[in-house]
Amino acid sequence: AGGCASLSEYTAEFNRLSAIFSQEWQRVTGYQP
C-alpha cells in the first residue's frame, strides 16, 4: 500500500504476522512457546 501507514496499522500487521509465525512454529516443531 502507498502513502504512510499509521502506527496502529503497523501494529495490527505485526500482530497478524506474529500470530501466523507462532502457529507455523508450533506446527513444525510441536513446541508451545
Foldseek 3Di string as FASTA:
>chain_A
DDDDDDPVVVVVVVVVVVVVVQVVCCVVPVDHD
